[in-house]
Amino acid sequence: MIYEILKAHKARGPERAMTRGELMNRTGLDLRELRRMIQKERRRHIICGKTFGEGGYYRPACREQITAYRKLFEQRIKQFSETLELPRRMMKRGKQI
């Protein structure tokens, strides 16, 4: 649904991104539902996010945007992994709280 909306509105590249508000108006979803829908659709489609300006979502227009998308998610995975390191060590040691 979201990918098709982005495609129909030629939201290709960050300069043509659709804001969350625009997508919420078009779909009738609230912000939480919209994010959940985007996360679900990202399993089948590349939906990039723009975090500057008004923000928004778009389809990649070139390979560089796909690379940037991939790097962003790899960085997030790395940050989550680092955040989990302390609880892993505590559980391994059987540390009491």
Protein backbone atom coordinates (compact mmCIF):
# COMPACT_ATOMS: atom_id res chain seq x y z
CA MET A 1 0.00 0.00 0.00
CA ILE A 2 2.68 2.57 1.02
CA TYR A 3 5.07 1.55 -1.74
CA GLU A 4 2.28 1.82 -4.30
CA ILE A 5 1.36 5.30 -3.04
CA LEU A 6 5.00 6.41 -3.30
CA LYS A 7 5.19 4.95 -6.79
CA ALA A 8 1.94 6.58 -7.94
CA HIS A 9 3.08 9.98 -6.65
CA LYS A 10 6.54 9.61 -8.19
CA ALA A 11 8.17 9.93 -4.77
CA ARG A 12 11.58 8.91 -6.07
CA GLY A 13 14.62 10.37 -4.34
CA PRO A 14 14.69 12.47 -1.15
CA GLU A 15 13.75 15.67 -2.96
CA ARG A 16 10.39 14.10 -3.88
CA ALA A 17 9.73 12.37 -0.54
CA MET A 18 6.21 12.26 0.84
CA THR A 19 5.90 13.40 4.45
CA ARG A 20 4.42 11.22 7.18
CA GLY A 21 1.48 13.62 7.32
CA GLU A 22 0.78 13.21 3.62
CA LEU A 23 0.93 9.43 3.92
CA MET A 24 -1.27 9.45 7.02
CA ASN A 25 -3.87 11.56 5.18
CA ARG A 26 -3.82 9.27 2.13
CA THR A 27 -4.04 6.03 4.12
CA GLY A 28 -6.10 7.03 7.16
CA LEU A 29 -3.44 5.41 9.38
CA ASP A 30 -2.13 7.02 12.55
CA LEU A 31 1.63 7.44 12.96
CA ARG A 32 2.14 4.14 14.78
CA GLU A 33 0.13 2.20 12.18
CA LEU A 34 1.96 3.98 9.35
CA ARG A 35 5.37 3.04 10.77
CA ARG A 36 4.22 -0.54 11.28
CA MET A 37 2.97 -0.71 7.67
CA ILE A 38 6.24 0.71 6.33
CA GLN A 39 8.24 -1.79 8.39
CA LYS A 40 6.12 -4.64 7.00
CA GLU A 41 6.46 -3.44 3.40
CA ARG A 42 10.23 -3.02 3.78
CA ARG A 43 10.44 -6.82 3.73
CA ARG A 44 9.52 -6.69 0.02
CA HIS A 45 10.34 -3.15 -1.12
CA ILE A 46 13.01 -0.57 -0.44
CA ILE A 47 11.31 2.39 1.19
CA CYS A 48 13.87 5.01 2.16
CA GLY A 49 13.36 7.56 4.89
CA LYS A 50 14.42 11.20 4.82
CA THR A 51 15.33 12.60 8.24
CA PHE A 52 16.10 16.21 7.32
CA GLY A 53 13.77 19.04 6.38
CA GLU A 54 10.19 17.89 6.79
CA GLY A 55 11.32 14.28 6.58
CA GLY A 56 9.36 11.71 4.67
CA TYR A 57 9.55 8.50 2.68
CA TYR A 58 10.57 7.78 -0.88
CA ARG A 59 11.66 5.12 -3.35
CA PRO A 60 15.37 5.15 -4.21
CA ALA A 61 16.29 6.87 -7.47
CA CYS A 62 19.81 5.43 -7.78
CA ARG A 63 22.21 2.81 -6.41
CA GLU A 64 23.82 5.35 -4.06
CA GLN A 65 20.51 5.82 -2.27
CA ILE A 66 20.16 2.06 -1.86
CA THR A 67 23.70 1.91 -0.46
CA ALA A 68 22.91 4.74 1.98
CA TYR A 69 19.71 2.91 3.03
CA ARG A 70 21.67 -0.28 3.65
CA LYS A 71 24.38 1.52 5.62
CA LEU A 72 21.82 3.28 7.80
CA PHE A 73 20.21 -0.01 8.80
CA GLU A 74 23.58 -1.70 9.31
CA GLN A 75 24.53 1.14 11.67
CA ARG A 76 21.27 0.73 13.58
CA ILE A 77 21.89 -3.00 13.92
CA LYS A 78 25.39 -2.29 15.24
CA GLN A 79 24.02 0.19 17.80
CA PHE A 80 21.40 -2.30 19.01
CA SER A 81 24.07 -4.98 19.28
CA GLU A 82 26.25 -2.69 21.38
CA THR A 83 23.28 -1.83 23.60
CA LEU A 84 22.60 -5.53 24.21
CA GLU A 85 26.19 -6.28 25.23
CA LEU A 86 25.77 -5.35 28.93
CA PRO A 87 22.57 -7.40 29.49
CA ARG A 88 24.22 -10.36 27.74
CA ARG A 89 27.26 -10.17 30.03
CA MET A 90 25.06 -9.81 33.12
CA MET A 91 22.96 -12.83 32.20
CA LYS A 92 26.04 -14.89 31.36
CA ARG A 93 27.52 -14.18 34.79
CA GLY A 94 24.22 -14.90 36.52
CA LYS A 95 24.34 -11.45 38.10
CA GLN A 96 21.52 -10.66 40.51
CA ILE A 97 19.53 -7.45 40.18
